[in-house]
Amino acid sequence: MNTKKRLSKALAAAGVASRRACEELIFAGKITVNGAVVYLPQTLVSWETDDIRIEGKQLSKEDKKVYYILNKPKGYICSNKRVGDKKIILDLFEGVQERVFSIGRLDRDTSGLLLVTNDGHFANRVIHPSSNIAKEYLVKTQQEISHQHLVDISKGTRVENIWIKPAKVTKVRGGTLKVIVHEGKKREVRLLVENAGLTILELKRIRIGSLILGPIPLGSYREMTEQEKEQIFQ
């Protein structure tokens, strides 16, 4: 039976990226079907009868789905495309055969918990705003953290033309605090803390939903269990 599905869903299921990111690739004209550039994510395609390519590279059917927890080091970019000689997270997955990608991003100078998969549907579920998943960060600063700093961080800041507020801000000790956010905007925790007048020495994500990073060596990864996949949404 020749089953057709939307191009964006087919790409996500094949492990190209999350469905949202696949739509962006389509809009950018990077996907061809049978030699023609396709700009509509809802275009119906079939792996059995259609030649689907990304930037000229032919894609095949869905890979076996894999799910990893990575303790991302500083200095790595959450991208599948290398710019110059910059390090990307795929450099840490040399032994993995599947086309994996990160679910969401941590900026180059941020370390900690990062989810990596080839399951675009799962990735879309994690990053979709309706999931409202909490992310917790541990922040170490150059200054002693005062009550006023906590108040200023809690008031929020403008990120990507939207005013965002953290869900919770807690002082751990002298120059260390924890920040919990839901939005997932680019560099939002860094901006929240820096705009309160603090200089960040270290920023690390330690939790997504109820999933805690745990004792994974920096730069290492391991497979995620089914229970851990569910913990993300708890």
N, C-alpha and C. Protein backbone atom coordinates (compact mmCIF):
# COMPACT_ATOMS: atom_id res chain seq x y z
N MET A 1 0.85 -1.20 0.00
CA MET A 1 0.00 0.00 0.00
C MET A 1 0.88 1.25 0.00
N ASN A 2 0.63 2.16 -0.93
CA ASN A 2 1.42 3.37 -1.06
C ASN A 2 0.83 4.47 -0.18
N THR A 3 1.36 4.62 1.04
CA THR A 3 0.82 5.59 1.99
C THR A 3 1.53 6.92 1.85
N LYS A 4 0.74 7.97 1.67
CA LYS A 4 1.31 9.31 1.56
C LYS A 4 1.09 10.07 2.86
N LYS A 5 2.01 10.96 3.16
CA LYS A 5 1.88 11.81 4.34
C LYS A 5 2.43 13.19 4.02
N ARG A 6 2.08 14.15 4.86
CA ARG A 6 2.57 15.51 4.65
C ARG A 6 4.09 15.53 4.66
N LEU A 7 4.67 16.36 3.79
CA LEU A 7 6.12 16.42 3.66
C LEU A 7 6.79 16.75 4.98
N SER A 8 6.25 17.72 5.73
CA SER A 8 6.87 18.11 7.00
C SER A 8 6.85 16.95 7.98
N LYS A 9 5.77 16.18 8.01
CA LYS A 9 5.68 15.03 8.91
C LYS A 9 6.62 13.92 8.46
N ALA A 10 6.73 13.73 7.15
CA ALA A 10 7.62 12.69 6.63
C ALA A 10 9.07 13.01 6.98
N LEU A 11 9.46 14.28 6.85
CA LEU A 11 10.83 14.69 7.18
C LEU A 11 11.10 14.52 8.67
N ALA A 12 10.12 14.91 9.49
CA ALA A 12 10.29 14.78 10.94
C ALA A 12 10.42 13.32 11.34
N ALA A 13 9.58 12.47 10.73
CA ALA A 13 9.62 11.04 11.05
C ALA A 13 10.92 10.39 10.59
N ALA A 14 11.54 10.98 9.56
CA ALA A 14 12.81 10.46 9.06
C ALA A 14 14.01 10.95 9.86
N GLY A 15 13.73 11.78 10.89
CA GLY A 15 14.82 12.24 11.76
C GLY A 15 15.58 13.43 11.24
N VAL A 16 15.00 14.19 10.31
CA VAL A 16 15.69 15.38 9.78
C VAL A 16 15.79 16.46 10.86
N ALA A 17 14.66 16.70 11.54
CA ALA A 17 14.59 17.71 12.59
C ALA A 17 13.19 17.66 13.18
N SER A 18 12.89 18.58 14.11
CA SER A 18 11.53 18.67 14.61
C SER A 18 10.62 19.13 13.47
N ARG A 19 9.32 18.94 13.63
CA ARG A 19 8.41 19.30 12.54
C ARG A 19 8.49 20.81 12.24
N ARG A 20 8.61 21.61 13.28
CA ARG A 20 8.70 23.06 13.06
C ARG A 20 9.96 23.40 12.26
N ALA A 21 11.08 22.78 12.63
CA ALA A 21 12.33 23.04 11.91
C ALA A 21 12.26 22.51 10.48
N CYS A 22 11.56 21.39 10.27
CA CYS A 22 11.39 20.85 8.92
C CYS A 22 10.58 21.82 8.06
N GLU A 23 9.57 22.44 8.65
CA GLU A 23 8.78 23.43 7.91
C GLU A 23 9.66 24.60 7.48
N GLU A 24 10.56 25.02 8.36
CA GLU A 24 11.47 26.13 8.03
C GLU A 24 12.39 25.75 6.87
N LEU A 25 12.85 24.48 6.86
CA LEU A 25 13.69 24.01 5.76
C LEU A 25 12.92 24.04 4.45
N ILE A 26 11.65 23.66 4.52
CA ILE A 26 10.81 23.66 3.32
C ILE A 26 10.59 25.10 2.83
N PHE A 27 10.25 25.99 3.73
CA PHE A 27 10.02 27.39 3.35
C PHE A 27 11.28 28.01 2.75
N ALA A 28 12.45 27.54 3.21
CA ALA A 28 13.73 28.09 2.72
C ALA A 28 14.13 27.49 1.37
N GLY A 29 13.34 26.57 0.84
CA GLY A 29 13.63 25.99 -0.47
C GLY A 29 14.74 24.97 -0.46
N LYS A 30 14.98 24.35 0.68
CA LYS A 30 16.07 23.38 0.80
C LYS A 30 15.63 21.94 0.51
N ILE A 31 14.33 21.72 0.29
CA ILE A 31 13.80 20.37 0.08
C ILE A 31 13.29 20.23 -1.36
N THR A 32 13.70 19.16 -2.01
CA THR A 32 13.17 18.86 -3.34
C THR A 32 12.45 17.52 -3.30
N VAL A 33 11.41 17.43 -4.12
CA VAL A 33 10.67 16.17 -4.30
C VAL A 33 10.65 15.88 -5.79
N ASN A 34 11.27 14.77 -6.15
CA ASN A 34 11.38 14.38 -7.57
C ASN A 34 12.02 15.49 -8.42
N GLY A 35 13.04 16.13 -7.84
CA GLY A 35 13.81 17.12 -8.57
C GLY A 35 13.28 18.53 -8.53
N ALA A 36 12.10 18.73 -7.96
CA ALA A 36 11.50 20.07 -7.91
C ALA A 36 11.47 20.59 -6.47
N VAL A 37 11.83 21.87 -6.32
CA VAL A 37 11.79 22.48 -4.99
C VAL A 37 10.34 22.59 -4.54
N VAL A 38 10.09 22.18 -3.31
CA VAL A 38 8.73 22.23 -2.76
C VAL A 38 8.72 23.21 -1.59
N TYR A 39 7.74 24.12 -1.57
CA TYR A 39 7.66 25.13 -0.54
C TYR A 39 6.49 24.94 0.41
N LEU A 40 5.67 23.92 0.16
CA LEU A 40 4.47 23.70 0.98
C LEU A 40 4.65 22.50 1.89
N PRO A 41 4.64 22.70 3.22
CA PRO A 41 4.81 21.58 4.15
C PRO A 41 3.72 20.52 4.02
N GLN A 42 2.53 20.92 3.55
CA GLN A 42 1.42 19.98 3.47
C GLN A 42 1.42 19.14 2.19
N THR A 43 2.43 19.32 1.34
CA THR A 43 2.55 18.50 0.14
C THR A 43 2.60 17.03 0.52
N LEU A 44 1.79 16.21 -0.14
CA LEU A 44 1.74 14.78 0.17
C LEU A 44 2.84 14.03 -0.57
N VAL A 45 3.59 13.20 0.17
CA VAL A 45 4.69 12.46 -0.42
C VAL A 45 4.67 11.01 0.07
N SER A 46 5.39 10.17 -0.64
CA SER A 46 5.52 8.77 -0.26
C SER A 46 6.98 8.35 -0.39
N TRP A 47 7.50 7.67 0.61
CA TRP A 47 8.87 7.19 0.54
C TRP A 47 9.02 6.13 -0.55
N GLU A 48 7.93 5.44 -0.88
CA GLU A 48 8.00 4.37 -1.87
C GLU A 48 8.13 4.89 -3.30
N THR A 49 7.52 6.04 -3.57
CA THR A 49 7.47 6.50 -4.96
C THR A 49 8.18 7.83 -5.22
N ASP A 50 8.51 8.57 -4.17
CA ASP A 50 9.08 9.91 -4.35
C ASP A 50 10.55 9.96 -3.95
N ASP A 51 11.31 10.75 -4.70
CA ASP A 51 12.71 11.01 -4.41
C ASP A 51 12.78 12.31 -3.61
N ILE A 52 13.02 12.19 -2.30
CA ILE A 52 13.01 13.35 -1.41
C ILE A 52 14.44 13.67 -1.00
N ARG A 53 14.84 14.92 -1.19
CA ARG A 53 16.22 15.31 -0.90
C ARG A 53 16.27 16.61 -0.08
N ILE A 54 17.31 16.72 0.73
CA ILE A 54 17.58 17.95 1.47
C ILE A 54 18.93 18.47 1.01
N GLU A 55 18.91 19.65 0.42
CA GLU A 55 20.11 20.28 -0.16
C GLU A 55 20.86 19.29 -1.05
N GLY A 56 20.10 18.54 -1.84
CA GLY A 56 20.68 17.61 -2.80
C GLY A 56 20.98 16.23 -2.28
N LYS A 57 20.92 16.04 -0.96
CA LYS A 57 21.21 14.73 -0.38
C LYS A 57 19.94 13.92 -0.24
N GLN A 58 19.94 12.74 -0.83
CA GLN A 58 18.74 11.91 -0.83
C GLN A 58 18.46 11.37 0.57
N LEU A 59 17.17 11.40 0.93
CA LEU A 59 16.74 10.88 2.22
C LEU A 59 16.06 9.54 2.03
N SER A 60 16.15 8.71 3.05
CA SER A 60 15.49 7.40 3.01
C SER A 60 14.40 7.35 4.07
N LYS A 61 13.78 6.22 4.20
CA LYS A 61 12.68 6.06 5.15
C LYS A 61 13.15 6.31 6.58
N GLU A 62 12.15 6.29 7.47
CA GLU A 62 12.44 6.56 8.87
C GLU A 62 13.47 5.60 9.45
N ASP A 63 14.42 6.15 10.20
CA ASP A 63 15.38 5.33 10.93
C ASP A 63 14.72 4.77 12.20
N LYS A 64 15.40 3.82 12.80
CA LYS A 64 14.98 3.37 14.12
C LYS A 64 15.07 4.58 15.05
N LYS A 65 14.07 4.77 15.88
CA LYS A 65 14.03 5.94 16.75
C LYS A 65 14.98 5.76 17.93
N VAL A 66 15.79 6.80 18.18
CA VAL A 66 16.74 6.77 19.29
C VAL A 66 16.56 8.05 20.11
N TYR A 67 16.84 7.93 21.41
CA TYR A 67 16.63 9.04 22.33
C TYR A 67 17.80 9.06 23.32
N TYR A 68 18.47 10.21 23.39
CA TYR A 68 19.66 10.31 24.24
C TYR A 68 19.56 11.51 25.18
N ILE A 69 20.22 11.35 26.34
CA ILE A 69 20.44 12.46 27.27
C ILE A 69 21.92 12.81 27.17
N LEU A 70 22.20 14.06 26.86
CA LEU A 70 23.58 14.54 26.73
C LEU A 70 23.88 15.56 27.81
N ASN A 71 25.05 15.45 28.42
CA ASN A 71 25.55 16.50 29.30
C ASN A 71 26.45 17.38 28.44
N LYS A 72 25.85 18.41 27.86
CA LYS A 72 26.55 19.26 26.89
C LYS A 72 27.64 20.11 27.55
N PRO A 73 28.83 20.09 26.98
CA PRO A 73 29.89 20.99 27.49
C PRO A 73 29.75 22.38 26.85
N LYS A 74 30.40 23.34 27.47
CA LYS A 74 30.51 24.66 26.84
C LYS A 74 31.32 24.53 25.55
N GLY A 75 31.09 25.46 24.63
CA GLY A 75 31.89 25.49 23.41
C GLY A 75 31.30 24.74 22.24
N TYR A 76 30.17 24.09 22.45
CA TYR A 76 29.52 23.34 21.37
C TYR A 76 28.22 24.02 20.97
N ILE A 77 27.95 24.05 19.65
CA ILE A 77 26.75 24.67 19.11
C ILE A 77 25.70 23.60 18.83
N CYS A 78 24.46 23.90 19.17
CA CYS A 78 23.35 22.97 18.91
C CYS A 78 22.88 23.15 17.47
N SER A 79 23.63 22.59 16.56
CA SER A 79 23.32 22.68 15.14
C SER A 79 23.86 21.45 14.44
N ASN A 80 23.21 21.06 13.34
CA ASN A 80 23.71 19.95 12.54
C ASN A 80 24.60 20.43 11.41
N LYS A 81 24.71 21.76 11.28
CA LYS A 81 25.50 22.34 10.21
C LYS A 81 26.67 23.11 10.80
N ARG A 82 27.86 22.76 10.38
CA ARG A 82 29.05 23.40 10.92
C ARG A 82 29.33 24.74 10.23
N VAL A 83 29.68 25.71 11.04
CA VAL A 83 30.08 27.03 10.52
C VAL A 83 31.56 27.20 10.82
N GLY A 84 32.37 27.22 9.79
CA GLY A 84 33.82 27.34 9.99
C GLY A 84 34.36 26.13 10.73
N ASP A 85 35.15 26.39 11.77
CA ASP A 85 35.72 25.29 12.55
C ASP A 85 35.07 25.16 13.92
N LYS A 86 33.88 25.74 14.08
CA LYS A 86 33.19 25.67 15.36
C LYS A 86 32.70 24.25 15.64
N LYS A 87 32.77 23.86 16.91
CA LYS A 87 32.35 22.53 17.31
C LYS A 87 30.82 22.46 17.41
N ILE A 88 30.25 21.36 16.94
CA ILE A 88 28.82 21.14 17.03
C ILE A 88 28.56 19.88 17.87
N ILE A 89 27.36 19.76 18.41
CA ILE A 89 27.08 18.65 19.32
C ILE A 89 27.21 17.29 18.62
N LEU A 90 27.02 17.26 17.29
CA LEU A 90 27.15 15.98 16.59
C LEU A 90 28.56 15.42 16.68
N ASP A 91 29.54 16.27 16.99
CA ASP A 91 30.91 15.79 17.18
C ASP A 91 30.99 14.83 18.37
N LEU A 92 30.02 14.93 19.27
CA LEU A 92 30.00 14.08 20.46
C LEU A 92 29.27 12.76 20.20
N PHE A 93 28.70 12.60 18.99
CA PHE A 93 27.89 11.42 18.66
C PHE A 93 28.47 10.67 17.46
N GLU A 94 29.78 10.58 17.39
CA GLU A 94 30.43 9.97 16.23
C GLU A 94 30.06 8.50 16.04
N GLY A 95 29.73 7.80 17.11
CA GLY A 95 29.40 6.38 16.99
C GLY A 95 27.94 6.10 16.67
N VAL A 96 27.13 7.14 16.58
CA VAL A 96 25.70 6.97 16.31
C VAL A 96 25.44 7.04 14.81
N GLN A 97 24.78 6.03 14.27
CA GLN A 97 24.53 5.95 12.83
C GLN A 97 23.34 6.79 12.39
N GLU A 98 22.34 6.94 13.26
CA GLU A 98 21.13 7.67 12.89
C GLU A 98 21.39 9.17 12.75
N ARG A 99 20.55 9.86 11.99
CA ARG A 99 20.66 11.32 11.82
C ARG A 99 19.97 12.00 13.02
N VAL A 100 20.74 12.30 14.05
CA VAL A 100 20.14 12.86 15.26
C VAL A 100 20.25 14.38 15.26
N PHE A 101 19.47 14.99 16.11
CA PHE A 101 19.49 16.45 16.28
C PHE A 101 19.05 16.76 17.71
N SER A 102 19.35 17.95 18.16
CA SER A 102 18.98 18.33 19.53
C SER A 102 17.53 18.81 19.56
N ILE A 103 16.88 18.55 20.69
CA ILE A 103 15.52 19.05 20.91
C ILE A 103 15.67 20.40 21.60
N GLY A 104 15.40 21.47 20.87
CA GLY A 104 15.67 22.79 21.40
C GLY A 104 17.18 23.04 21.40
N ARG A 105 17.58 24.11 22.06
CA ARG A 105 18.99 24.48 22.03
C ARG A 105 19.47 25.00 23.37
N LEU A 106 20.76 24.82 23.58
CA LEU A 106 21.49 25.53 24.62
C LEU A 106 22.55 26.34 23.90
N ASP A 107 22.75 27.59 24.30
CA ASP A 107 23.72 28.40 23.57
C ASP A 107 25.14 27.87 23.80
N ARG A 108 26.05 28.38 23.04
CA ARG A 108 27.43 27.87 23.02
C ARG A 108 28.07 27.87 24.40
N ASP A 109 27.76 28.87 25.22
CA ASP A 109 28.41 29.00 26.52
C ASP A 109 27.62 28.36 27.66
N THR A 110 26.54 27.67 27.33
CA THR A 110 25.71 27.00 28.34
C THR A 110 25.93 25.50 28.28
N SER A 111 26.02 24.88 29.43
CA SER A 111 26.23 23.43 29.51
C SER A 111 24.99 22.76 30.09
N GLY A 112 25.08 21.41 30.20
CA GLY A 112 24.03 20.70 30.91
C GLY A 112 23.11 19.85 30.06
N LEU A 113 21.93 19.62 30.58
CA LEU A 113 20.97 18.65 30.05
C LEU A 113 20.45 19.05 28.66
N LEU A 114 20.72 18.19 27.69
CA LEU A 114 20.24 18.40 26.33
C LEU A 114 19.70 17.07 25.81
N LEU A 115 18.52 17.10 25.21
CA LEU A 115 17.91 15.90 24.65
C LEU A 115 18.25 15.82 23.17
N VAL A 116 18.64 14.64 22.73
CA VAL A 116 19.05 14.43 21.34
C VAL A 116 18.32 13.21 20.81
N THR A 117 17.76 13.32 19.60
CA THR A 117 16.94 12.24 19.06
C THR A 117 16.93 12.31 17.54
N ASN A 118 16.24 11.35 16.92
CA ASN A 118 15.93 11.44 15.50
C ASN A 118 14.42 11.35 15.29
N ASP A 119 13.67 11.52 16.38
CA ASP A 119 12.21 11.43 16.36
C ASP A 119 11.63 12.84 16.33
N GLY A 120 11.25 13.29 15.15
CA GLY A 120 10.72 14.64 15.00
C GLY A 120 9.40 14.85 15.70
N HIS A 121 8.56 13.83 15.77
CA HIS A 121 7.27 13.95 16.45
C HIS A 121 7.47 14.14 17.95
N PHE A 122 8.37 13.36 18.51
CA PHE A 122 8.67 13.48 19.93
C PHE A 122 9.27 14.86 20.23
N ALA A 123 10.19 15.31 19.38
CA ALA A 123 10.82 16.62 19.56
C ALA A 123 9.78 17.73 19.51
N ASN A 124 8.84 17.62 18.58
CA ASN A 124 7.81 18.64 18.45
C ASN A 124 6.93 18.69 19.70
N ARG A 125 6.65 17.52 20.27
CA ARG A 125 5.85 17.46 21.48
C ARG A 125 6.57 18.13 22.64
N VAL A 126 7.88 17.95 22.73
CA VAL A 126 8.66 18.53 23.82
C VAL A 126 8.72 20.05 23.72
N ILE A 127 8.95 20.56 22.53
CA ILE A 127 9.17 22.01 22.38
C ILE A 127 7.90 22.80 22.16
N HIS A 128 6.77 22.13 21.88
CA HIS A 128 5.54 22.87 21.61
C HIS A 128 5.08 23.61 22.86
N PRO A 129 4.70 24.88 22.72
CA PRO A 129 4.29 25.68 23.89
C PRO A 129 3.18 25.04 24.72
N SER A 130 2.30 24.28 24.08
CA SER A 130 1.19 23.67 24.81
C SER A 130 1.66 22.67 25.86
N SER A 131 2.86 22.13 25.70
CA SER A 131 3.39 21.18 26.69
C SER A 131 3.79 21.89 27.98
N ASN A 132 4.14 23.17 27.87
CA ASN A 132 4.43 24.01 29.06
C ASN A 132 5.41 23.33 30.01
N ILE A 133 6.50 22.84 29.46
CA ILE A 133 7.47 22.08 30.25
C ILE A 133 8.44 23.02 30.96
N ALA A 134 8.65 22.77 32.25
CA ALA A 134 9.58 23.58 33.04
C ALA A 134 11.02 23.16 32.75
N LYS A 135 11.91 24.15 32.67
CA LYS A 135 13.35 23.90 32.54
C LYS A 135 14.06 24.62 33.67
N GLU A 136 14.91 23.89 34.38
CA GLU A 136 15.60 24.47 35.54
C GLU A 136 17.08 24.64 35.24
N TYR A 137 17.61 25.81 35.60
CA TYR A 137 19.01 26.15 35.35
C TYR A 137 19.71 26.49 36.66
N LEU A 138 20.96 26.08 36.75
CA LEU A 138 21.82 26.47 37.86
C LEU A 138 22.75 27.57 37.34
N VAL A 139 22.77 28.70 38.03
CA VAL A 139 23.53 29.86 37.59
C VAL A 139 24.54 30.26 38.65
N LYS A 140 25.81 30.37 38.26
CA LYS A 140 26.84 30.86 39.16
C LYS A 140 27.28 32.24 38.68
N THR A 141 27.30 33.20 39.60
CA THR A 141 27.59 34.59 39.23
C THR A 141 28.84 35.11 39.94
N GLN A 142 29.36 36.18 39.40
CA GLN A 142 30.57 36.78 39.97
C GLN A 142 30.27 37.50 41.27
N GLN A 143 29.04 38.02 41.39
CA GLN A 143 28.68 38.81 42.56
C GLN A 143 27.90 37.98 43.59
N GLU A 144 27.90 38.47 44.81
CA GLU A 144 27.00 37.95 45.85
C GLU A 144 25.57 38.31 45.43
N ILE A 145 24.68 37.34 45.50
CA ILE A 145 23.30 37.57 45.07
C ILE A 145 22.50 38.16 46.22
N SER A 146 21.90 39.32 45.97
CA SER A 146 21.11 40.00 46.99
C SER A 146 19.62 39.74 46.78
N HIS A 147 18.85 40.15 47.76
CA HIS A 147 17.39 40.02 47.63
C HIS A 147 16.89 40.84 46.45
N GLN A 148 17.50 42.01 46.23
CA GLN A 148 17.08 42.87 45.13
C GLN A 148 17.35 42.22 43.78
N HIS A 149 18.46 41.49 43.67
CA HIS A 149 18.73 40.75 42.44
C HIS A 149 17.61 39.76 42.14
N LEU A 150 17.18 39.03 43.17
CA LEU A 150 16.10 38.05 42.99
C LEU A 150 14.81 38.74 42.58
N VAL A 151 14.55 39.88 43.18
CA VAL A 151 13.34 40.64 42.82
C VAL A 151 13.39 41.08 41.37
N ASP A 152 14.54 41.61 40.95
CA ASP A 152 14.69 42.10 39.58
C ASP A 152 14.57 40.96 38.55
N ILE A 153 15.16 39.82 38.86
CA ILE A 153 15.05 38.67 37.95
C ILE A 153 13.60 38.22 37.86
N SER A 154 12.92 38.19 39.00
CA SER A 154 11.53 37.73 39.04
C SER A 154 10.59 38.64 38.27
N LYS A 155 10.95 39.93 38.16
CA LYS A 155 10.11 40.88 37.41
C LYS A 155 10.09 40.54 35.93
N GLY A 156 11.14 39.88 35.45
CA GLY A 156 11.19 39.50 34.04
C GLY A 156 11.99 40.47 33.19
N THR A 157 12.03 40.17 31.89
CA THR A 157 12.75 41.01 30.94
C THR A 157 12.19 40.78 29.55
N ARG A 158 12.58 41.62 28.61
CA ARG A 158 12.08 41.48 27.24
C ARG A 158 13.02 40.58 26.44
N VAL A 159 12.44 39.55 25.83
CA VAL A 159 13.19 38.62 25.00
C VAL A 159 12.42 38.44 23.69
N GLU A 160 13.08 38.72 22.58
CA GLU A 160 12.46 38.58 21.26
C GLU A 160 11.13 39.34 21.20
N ASN A 161 11.15 40.57 21.72
CA ASN A 161 9.99 41.48 21.73
C ASN A 161 8.81 40.97 22.55
N ILE A 162 9.08 40.03 23.46
CA ILE A 162 8.04 39.54 24.36
C ILE A 162 8.55 39.66 25.79
N TRP A 163 7.70 40.16 26.69
CA TRP A 163 8.10 40.26 28.09
C TRP A 163 7.89 38.89 28.73
N ILE A 164 8.97 38.33 29.26
CA ILE A 164 8.87 37.00 29.87
C ILE A 164 9.30 37.08 31.34
N LYS A 165 8.69 36.20 32.14
CA LYS A 165 9.02 36.11 33.55
C LYS A 165 9.39 34.67 33.89
N PRO A 166 10.35 34.48 34.78
CA PRO A 166 10.66 33.12 35.21
C PRO A 166 9.55 32.57 36.09
N ALA A 167 9.42 31.25 36.13
CA ALA A 167 8.42 30.63 36.99
C ALA A 167 8.85 30.69 38.46
N LYS A 168 10.19 30.61 38.68
CA LYS A 168 10.70 30.62 40.04
C LYS A 168 12.17 30.99 40.04
N VAL A 169 12.59 31.76 41.03
CA VAL A 169 14.00 32.13 41.20
C VAL A 169 14.37 31.88 42.66
N THR A 170 15.44 31.11 42.88
CA THR A 170 15.83 30.76 44.24
C THR A 170 17.33 30.92 44.43
N LYS A 171 17.71 31.58 45.52
CA LYS A 171 19.13 31.68 45.86
C LYS A 171 19.56 30.38 46.52
N VAL A 172 20.66 29.79 46.04
CA VAL A 172 21.18 28.55 46.61
C VAL A 172 22.22 28.88 47.68
N ARG A 173 23.14 29.75 47.35
CA ARG A 173 24.18 30.23 48.28
C ARG A 173 24.79 31.48 47.67
N GLY A 174 25.78 32.06 48.31
CA GLY A 174 26.42 33.32 47.90
C GLY A 174 26.19 33.80 46.50
N GLY A 175 26.88 33.18 45.54
CA GLY A 175 26.78 33.62 44.14
C GLY A 175 26.12 32.59 43.24
N THR A 176 25.26 31.75 43.80
CA THR A 176 24.61 30.70 43.02
C THR A 176 23.09 30.77 43.18
N LEU A 177 22.38 30.65 42.08
CA LEU A 177 20.92 30.63 42.12
C LEU A 177 20.37 29.63 41.12
N LYS A 178 19.10 29.30 41.30
CA LYS A 178 18.39 28.44 40.37
C LYS A 178 17.25 29.24 39.75
N VAL A 179 17.09 29.05 38.44
CA VAL A 179 16.03 29.74 37.71
C VAL A 179 15.21 28.70 36.95
N ILE A 180 13.89 28.77 37.09
CA ILE A 180 12.99 27.87 36.36
C ILE A 180 12.18 28.69 35.38
N VAL A 181 12.17 28.26 34.12
CA VAL A 181 11.42 28.95 33.07
C VAL A 181 10.56 27.95 32.31
N HIS A 182 9.59 28.48 31.58
CA HIS A 182 8.72 27.65 30.75
C HIS A 182 8.81 28.01 29.28
N GLU A 183 9.09 29.28 28.96
CA GLU A 183 8.96 29.77 27.59
C GLU A 183 9.94 29.14 26.60
N GLY A 184 11.20 29.00 27.00
CA GLY A 184 12.18 28.44 26.09
C GLY A 184 12.68 29.41 25.04
N LYS A 185 12.61 30.72 25.33
CA LYS A 185 13.11 31.72 24.39
C LYS A 185 14.64 31.71 24.35
N LYS A 186 15.18 32.18 23.24
CA LYS A 186 16.62 32.19 23.04
C LYS A 186 17.33 33.01 24.11
N ARG A 187 18.26 32.38 24.81
CA ARG A 187 19.11 33.03 25.82
C ARG A 187 18.31 33.69 26.94
N GLU A 188 17.07 33.23 27.22
CA GLU A 188 16.22 33.93 28.17
C GLU A 188 16.78 33.94 29.59
N VAL A 189 17.33 32.82 30.05
CA VAL A 189 17.87 32.79 31.41
C VAL A 189 19.07 33.71 31.52
N ARG A 190 19.93 33.68 30.52
CA ARG A 190 21.11 34.55 30.52
C ARG A 190 20.67 36.02 30.56
N LEU A 191 19.68 36.38 29.79
CA LEU A 191 19.20 37.76 29.76
C LEU A 191 18.53 38.15 31.06
N LEU A 192 17.75 37.24 31.64
CA LEU A 192 17.09 37.52 32.92
C LEU A 192 18.11 37.87 33.99
N VAL A 193 19.17 37.09 34.05
CA VAL A 193 20.18 37.27 35.10
C VAL A 193 21.06 38.48 34.81
N GLU A 194 21.52 38.61 33.58
CA GLU A 194 22.41 39.73 33.24
C GLU A 194 21.69 41.07 33.35
N ASN A 195 20.42 41.12 32.98
CA ASN A 195 19.67 42.38 33.05
C ASN A 195 19.36 42.78 34.49
N ALA A 196 19.60 41.86 35.43
CA ALA A 196 19.45 42.20 36.85
C ALA A 196 20.77 42.71 37.42
N GLY A 197 21.80 42.84 36.56
CA GLY A 197 23.07 43.40 36.99
C GLY A 197 24.09 42.39 37.46
N LEU A 198 23.87 41.11 37.14
CA LEU A 198 24.79 40.07 37.56
C LEU A 198 25.65 39.59 36.40
N THR A 199 26.89 39.22 36.69
CA THR A 199 27.81 38.68 35.68
C THR A 199 27.84 37.16 35.82
N ILE A 200 27.48 36.46 34.76
CA ILE A 200 27.39 35.00 34.81
C ILE A 200 28.77 34.37 34.60
N LEU A 201 29.13 33.49 35.51
CA LEU A 201 30.36 32.71 35.38
C LEU A 201 30.07 31.34 34.78
N GLU A 202 28.92 30.79 35.12
CA GLU A 202 28.55 29.46 34.62
C GLU A 202 27.03 29.33 34.57
N LEU A 203 26.54 28.76 33.47
CA LEU A 203 25.11 28.54 33.30
C LEU A 203 24.90 27.10 32.85
N LYS A 204 24.10 26.36 33.62
CA LYS A 204 23.94 24.93 33.36
C LYS A 204 22.48 24.53 33.51
N ARG A 205 21.94 23.83 32.51
CA ARG A 205 20.57 23.32 32.65
C ARG A 205 20.64 21.97 33.37
N ILE A 206 19.82 21.82 34.40
CA ILE A 206 19.88 20.61 35.22
C ILE A 206 18.58 19.80 35.20
N ARG A 207 17.51 20.36 34.65
CA ARG A 207 16.25 19.63 34.66
C ARG A 207 15.33 20.07 33.52
N ILE A 208 14.62 19.10 32.92
CA ILE A 208 13.56 19.36 31.95
C ILE A 208 12.35 18.57 32.41
N GLY A 209 11.25 19.25 32.73
CA GLY A 209 10.12 18.56 33.32
C GLY A 209 10.54 17.97 34.64
N SER A 210 10.33 16.66 34.81
CA SER A 210 10.81 15.96 36.00
C SER A 210 12.09 15.18 35.72
N LEU A 211 12.64 15.33 34.53
CA LEU A 211 13.86 14.63 34.15
C LEU A 211 15.08 15.42 34.61
N ILE A 212 15.88 14.82 35.48
CA ILE A 212 17.07 15.47 36.03
C ILE A 212 18.32 14.95 35.32
N LEU A 213 19.28 15.83 35.09
CA LEU A 213 20.50 15.46 34.38
C LEU A 213 21.20 14.27 35.02
N GLY A 214 21.40 14.31 36.31
CA GLY A 214 22.04 13.18 36.98
C GLY A 214 23.54 13.10 36.71
N PRO A 215 24.19 12.00 37.14
CA PRO A 215 25.65 11.88 37.08
C PRO A 215 26.19 11.42 35.73
N ILE A 216 25.93 12.20 34.69
CA ILE A 216 26.48 11.91 33.37
C ILE A 216 27.73 12.77 33.18
N PRO A 217 28.89 12.19 32.88
CA PRO A 217 30.10 12.99 32.71
C PRO A 217 29.92 14.06 31.62
N LEU A 218 30.55 15.19 31.81
CA LEU A 218 30.48 16.28 30.84
C LEU A 218 30.96 15.80 29.47
N GLY A 219 30.16 16.03 28.44
CA GLY A 219 30.51 15.61 27.09
C GLY A 219 30.06 14.20 26.75
N SER A 220 29.45 13.52 27.71
CA SER A 220 28.99 12.15 27.49
C SER A 220 27.47 12.11 27.34
N TYR A 221 26.98 10.99 26.81
CA TYR A 221 25.54 10.80 26.65
C TYR A 221 25.19 9.36 26.95
N ARG A 222 23.90 9.13 27.17
CA ARG A 222 23.39 7.77 27.34
C ARG A 222 21.97 7.71 26.80
N GLU A 223 21.50 6.50 26.55
CA GLU A 223 20.15 6.34 26.04
C GLU A 223 19.13 6.69 27.12
N MET A 224 18.01 7.24 26.69
CA MET A 224 16.93 7.59 27.57
C MET A 224 15.98 6.39 27.72
N THR A 225 15.52 6.14 28.94
CA THR A 225 14.57 5.06 29.16
C THR A 225 13.16 5.54 28.85
N GLU A 226 12.23 4.61 28.69
CA GLU A 226 10.84 4.99 28.45
C GLU A 226 10.29 5.80 29.62
N GLN A 227 10.69 5.43 30.84
CA GLN A 227 10.23 6.16 32.01
C GLN A 227 10.74 7.60 31.99
N GLU A 228 11.98 7.78 31.57
CA GLU A 228 12.56 9.12 31.51
C GLU A 228 11.88 9.96 30.43
N LYS A 229 11.49 9.34 29.33
CA LYS A 229 10.77 10.07 28.29
C LYS A 229 9.47 10.63 28.83
N GLU A 230 8.79 9.87 29.69
CA GLU A 230 7.54 10.32 30.28
C GLU A 230 7.78 11.39 31.34
N GLN A 231 8.91 11.31 32.04
CA GLN A 231 9.21 12.28 33.08
C GLN A 231 9.32 13.69 32.53
N ILE A 232 9.69 13.81 31.28
CA ILE A 232 9.80 15.13 30.65
C ILE A 232 8.47 15.87 30.72
N PHE A 233 7.38 15.15 30.64
CA PHE A 233 6.06 15.78 30.57
C PHE A 233 5.35 15.82 31.91
N GLN A 234 6.07 15.48 32.98
CA GLN A 234 5.48 15.47 34.31
C GLN A 234 5.86 16.72 35.09
